[in-house]
Amino acid sequence: MEKFELEKQGRILSGFYEGYFVKLHNDSDVTGGYYIFLVNDLVAPTDGGDYWVEDLAELESFVESSHWEIEWIE
């Protein structure tokens, strides 16, 4: 089973940034890597940030080391 989904928003239920929303974006056409976008609210965010990783293996490692349980939003 896949640990994460690309191009979908999800709420982080546990782990680092618990309560925040996350989106994992494939940016390989532009930067060659992947972005991890984080915000505290989808409608009116007041806090957030992003990370960039070089490849899919690094993205998997980032998600695993964050100990995230994510509820994906349809």
N, C-alpha and C. Protein backbone atom coordinates (compact mmCIF):
# COMPACT_ATOMS: atom_id res chain seq x y z
N MET A 1 0.84 -1.19 0.00
CA MET A 1 0.00 0.00 0.00
C MET A 1 0.88 1.25 0.00
N GLU A 2 0.51 2.21 -0.82
CA GLU A 2 1.28 3.45 -0.93
C GLU A 2 1.17 4.26 0.36
N LYS A 3 2.28 4.80 0.82
CA LYS A 3 2.31 5.59 2.05
C LYS A 3 1.79 7.00 1.85
N PHE A 4 1.77 7.46 0.62
CA PHE A 4 1.33 8.82 0.34
C PHE A 4 0.77 8.90 -1.06
N GLU A 5 0.07 9.99 -1.33
CA GLU A 5 -0.49 10.21 -2.65
C GLU A 5 0.00 11.55 -3.18
N LEU A 6 0.38 11.58 -4.44
CA LEU A 6 0.85 12.81 -5.06
C LEU A 6 -0.35 13.62 -5.56
N GLU A 7 -0.20 14.93 -5.54
CA GLU A 7 -1.16 15.89 -6.08
C GLU A 7 -2.51 15.90 -5.37
N LYS A 8 -2.58 15.35 -4.16
CA LYS A 8 -3.79 15.42 -3.35
C LYS A 8 -3.47 16.13 -2.05
N GLN A 9 -4.48 16.76 -1.49
CA GLN A 9 -4.30 17.38 -0.18
C GLN A 9 -4.72 16.40 0.89
N GLY A 10 -4.05 16.46 2.01
CA GLY A 10 -4.39 15.61 3.13
C GLY A 10 -4.14 16.31 4.44
N ARG A 11 -4.85 15.88 5.46
CA ARG A 11 -4.65 16.42 6.81
C ARG A 11 -3.73 15.48 7.57
N ILE A 12 -2.71 16.04 8.21
CA ILE A 12 -1.76 15.25 8.99
C ILE A 12 -2.39 14.98 10.35
N LEU A 13 -2.71 13.71 10.61
CA LEU A 13 -3.39 13.31 11.84
C LEU A 13 -2.42 13.09 12.99
N SER A 14 -1.18 12.69 12.66
CA SER A 14 -0.17 12.50 13.69
C SER A 14 1.21 12.64 13.06
N GLY A 15 2.18 12.92 13.91
CA GLY A 15 3.55 13.11 13.45
C GLY A 15 3.91 14.59 13.41
N PHE A 16 5.04 14.88 12.79
CA PHE A 16 5.52 16.25 12.66
C PHE A 16 4.51 17.07 11.87
N TYR A 17 4.20 18.27 12.29
CA TYR A 17 3.19 19.14 11.69
C TYR A 17 1.76 18.60 11.86
N GLU A 18 1.51 17.89 12.94
CA GLU A 18 0.17 17.37 13.22
C GLU A 18 -0.85 18.50 13.17
N GLY A 19 -1.98 18.25 12.48
CA GLY A 19 -3.03 19.23 12.33
C GLY A 19 -2.91 20.08 11.08
N TYR A 20 -1.75 20.05 10.44
CA TYR A 20 -1.55 20.81 9.21
C TYR A 20 -2.07 20.02 8.01
N PHE A 21 -2.19 20.71 6.89
CA PHE A 21 -2.55 20.09 5.63
C PHE A 21 -1.29 19.98 4.78
N VAL A 22 -1.20 18.91 4.01
CA VAL A 22 -0.02 18.66 3.20
C VAL A 22 -0.44 18.35 1.77
N LYS A 23 0.40 18.75 0.83
CA LYS A 23 0.25 18.37 -0.57
C LYS A 23 1.63 18.00 -1.08
N LEU A 24 1.74 16.83 -1.67
CA LEU A 24 2.99 16.35 -2.24
C LEU A 24 2.91 16.54 -3.75
N HIS A 25 3.77 17.38 -4.28
CA HIS A 25 3.69 17.79 -5.69
C HIS A 25 4.89 17.29 -6.49
N ASN A 26 4.60 16.60 -7.59
CA ASN A 26 5.63 16.15 -8.51
C ASN A 26 6.04 17.33 -9.37
N ASP A 27 7.24 17.83 -9.16
CA ASP A 27 7.75 18.99 -9.90
C ASP A 27 8.91 18.58 -10.80
N SER A 28 8.93 17.30 -11.20
CA SER A 28 10.06 16.79 -11.96
C SER A 28 10.24 17.46 -13.31
N ASP A 29 9.18 17.98 -13.90
CA ASP A 29 9.30 18.66 -15.19
C ASP A 29 10.04 19.99 -15.07
N VAL A 30 9.95 20.64 -13.90
CA VAL A 30 10.55 21.96 -13.72
C VAL A 30 11.87 21.87 -12.94
N THR A 31 11.81 21.29 -11.74
CA THR A 31 13.00 21.26 -10.87
C THR A 31 13.68 19.91 -10.81
N GLY A 32 13.00 18.89 -11.32
CA GLY A 32 13.55 17.54 -11.25
C GLY A 32 13.23 16.82 -9.96
N GLY A 33 12.49 17.47 -9.06
CA GLY A 33 12.21 16.86 -7.76
C GLY A 33 10.76 16.95 -7.37
N TYR A 34 10.54 16.97 -6.06
CA TYR A 34 9.20 16.97 -5.49
C TYR A 34 9.11 18.05 -4.42
N TYR A 35 7.96 18.73 -4.36
CA TYR A 35 7.69 19.70 -3.30
C TYR A 35 6.75 19.09 -2.28
N ILE A 36 6.93 19.50 -1.03
CA ILE A 36 6.05 19.16 0.07
C ILE A 36 5.52 20.49 0.59
N PHE A 37 4.25 20.78 0.31
CA PHE A 37 3.63 22.03 0.73
C PHE A 37 2.85 21.79 2.01
N LEU A 38 2.97 22.68 2.98
CA LEU A 38 2.29 22.57 4.27
C LEU A 38 1.59 23.88 4.60
N VAL A 39 0.33 23.79 5.06
CA VAL A 39 -0.40 24.95 5.56
C VAL A 39 -1.23 24.54 6.76
N ASN A 40 -1.51 25.51 7.62
CA ASN A 40 -2.29 25.19 8.81
C ASN A 40 -3.79 25.25 8.57
N ASP A 41 -4.22 25.86 7.46
CA ASP A 41 -5.64 25.95 7.13
C ASP A 41 -5.78 26.06 5.61
N LEU A 42 -6.74 25.36 5.04
CA LEU A 42 -6.90 25.39 3.59
C LEU A 42 -7.58 26.67 3.10
N VAL A 43 -8.46 27.24 3.89
CA VAL A 43 -9.22 28.42 3.48
C VAL A 43 -8.45 29.71 3.74
N ALA A 44 -7.93 29.86 4.94
CA ALA A 44 -7.22 31.09 5.32
C ALA A 44 -5.95 30.74 6.09
N PRO A 45 -4.93 30.25 5.39
CA PRO A 45 -3.71 29.85 6.09
C PRO A 45 -2.98 31.04 6.70
N THR A 46 -2.47 30.82 7.92
CA THR A 46 -1.67 31.84 8.59
C THR A 46 -0.26 31.33 8.86
N ASP A 47 -0.03 30.06 8.58
CA ASP A 47 1.29 29.48 8.79
C ASP A 47 1.48 28.35 7.79
N GLY A 48 2.70 28.11 7.41
CA GLY A 48 2.99 27.03 6.47
C GLY A 48 4.39 27.15 5.94
N GLY A 49 4.67 26.35 4.95
CA GLY A 49 5.98 26.36 4.34
C GLY A 49 6.09 25.26 3.31
N ASP A 50 7.28 25.07 2.83
CA ASP A 50 7.48 24.00 1.86
C ASP A 50 8.89 23.43 1.99
N TYR A 51 9.01 22.23 1.49
CA TYR A 51 10.29 21.53 1.41
C TYR A 51 10.43 21.03 -0.02
N TRP A 52 11.65 20.86 -0.46
CA TRP A 52 11.92 20.29 -1.77
C TRP A 52 12.85 19.11 -1.57
N VAL A 53 12.56 18.02 -2.27
CA VAL A 53 13.44 16.84 -2.23
C VAL A 53 13.80 16.46 -3.66
N GLU A 54 14.94 15.80 -3.79
CA GLU A 54 15.53 15.53 -5.10
C GLU A 54 14.83 14.45 -5.91
N ASP A 55 14.32 13.42 -5.24
CA ASP A 55 13.73 12.32 -5.98
C ASP A 55 12.69 11.58 -5.13
N LEU A 56 12.07 10.57 -5.72
CA LEU A 56 11.01 9.83 -5.05
C LEU A 56 11.51 9.11 -3.80
N ALA A 57 12.72 8.59 -3.85
CA ALA A 57 13.29 7.91 -2.68
C ALA A 57 13.46 8.89 -1.52
N GLU A 58 13.89 10.10 -1.81
CA GLU A 58 14.05 11.11 -0.77
C GLU A 58 12.69 11.56 -0.23
N LEU A 59 11.69 11.62 -1.11
CA LEU A 59 10.33 11.95 -0.67
C LEU A 59 9.80 10.88 0.27
N GLU A 60 9.97 9.62 -0.09
CA GLU A 60 9.55 8.52 0.78
C GLU A 60 10.24 8.59 2.13
N SER A 61 11.53 8.88 2.13
CA SER A 61 12.29 9.00 3.37
C SER A 61 11.79 10.16 4.22
N PHE A 62 11.48 11.29 3.59
CA PHE A 62 10.97 12.46 4.29
C PHE A 62 9.64 12.13 4.98
N VAL A 63 8.72 11.53 4.24
CA VAL A 63 7.41 11.18 4.79
C VAL A 63 7.56 10.18 5.93
N GLU A 64 8.40 9.17 5.73
CA GLU A 64 8.61 8.16 6.77
C GLU A 64 9.22 8.77 8.03
N SER A 65 10.21 9.62 7.88
CA SER A 65 10.88 10.20 9.05
C SER A 65 9.99 11.21 9.77
N SER A 66 8.96 11.73 9.10
CA SER A 66 8.01 12.66 9.73
C SER A 66 6.96 11.92 10.54
N HIS A 67 6.91 10.61 10.42
CA HIS A 67 5.95 9.77 11.16
C HIS A 67 4.51 10.21 10.92
N TRP A 68 4.21 10.51 9.66
CA TRP A 68 2.89 11.03 9.33
C TRP A 68 1.86 9.92 9.19
N GLU A 69 0.69 10.21 9.75
CA GLU A 69 -0.54 9.48 9.40
C GLU A 69 -1.39 10.56 8.73
N ILE A 70 -1.74 10.34 7.47
CA ILE A 70 -2.42 11.37 6.67
C ILE A 70 -3.78 10.86 6.25
N GLU A 71 -4.78 11.71 6.42
CA GLU A 71 -6.12 11.45 5.90
C GLU A 71 -6.24 12.23 4.60
N TRP A 72 -6.28 11.52 3.47
CA TRP A 72 -6.31 12.18 2.17
C TRP A 72 -7.71 12.70 1.88
N ILE A 73 -7.78 13.88 1.30
CA ILE A 73 -9.04 14.55 0.98
C ILE A 73 -9.33 14.33 -0.50
N GLU A 74 -10.53 13.89 -0.79
CA GLU A 74 -10.94 13.66 -2.19
C GLU A 74 -11.22 14.94 -2.91
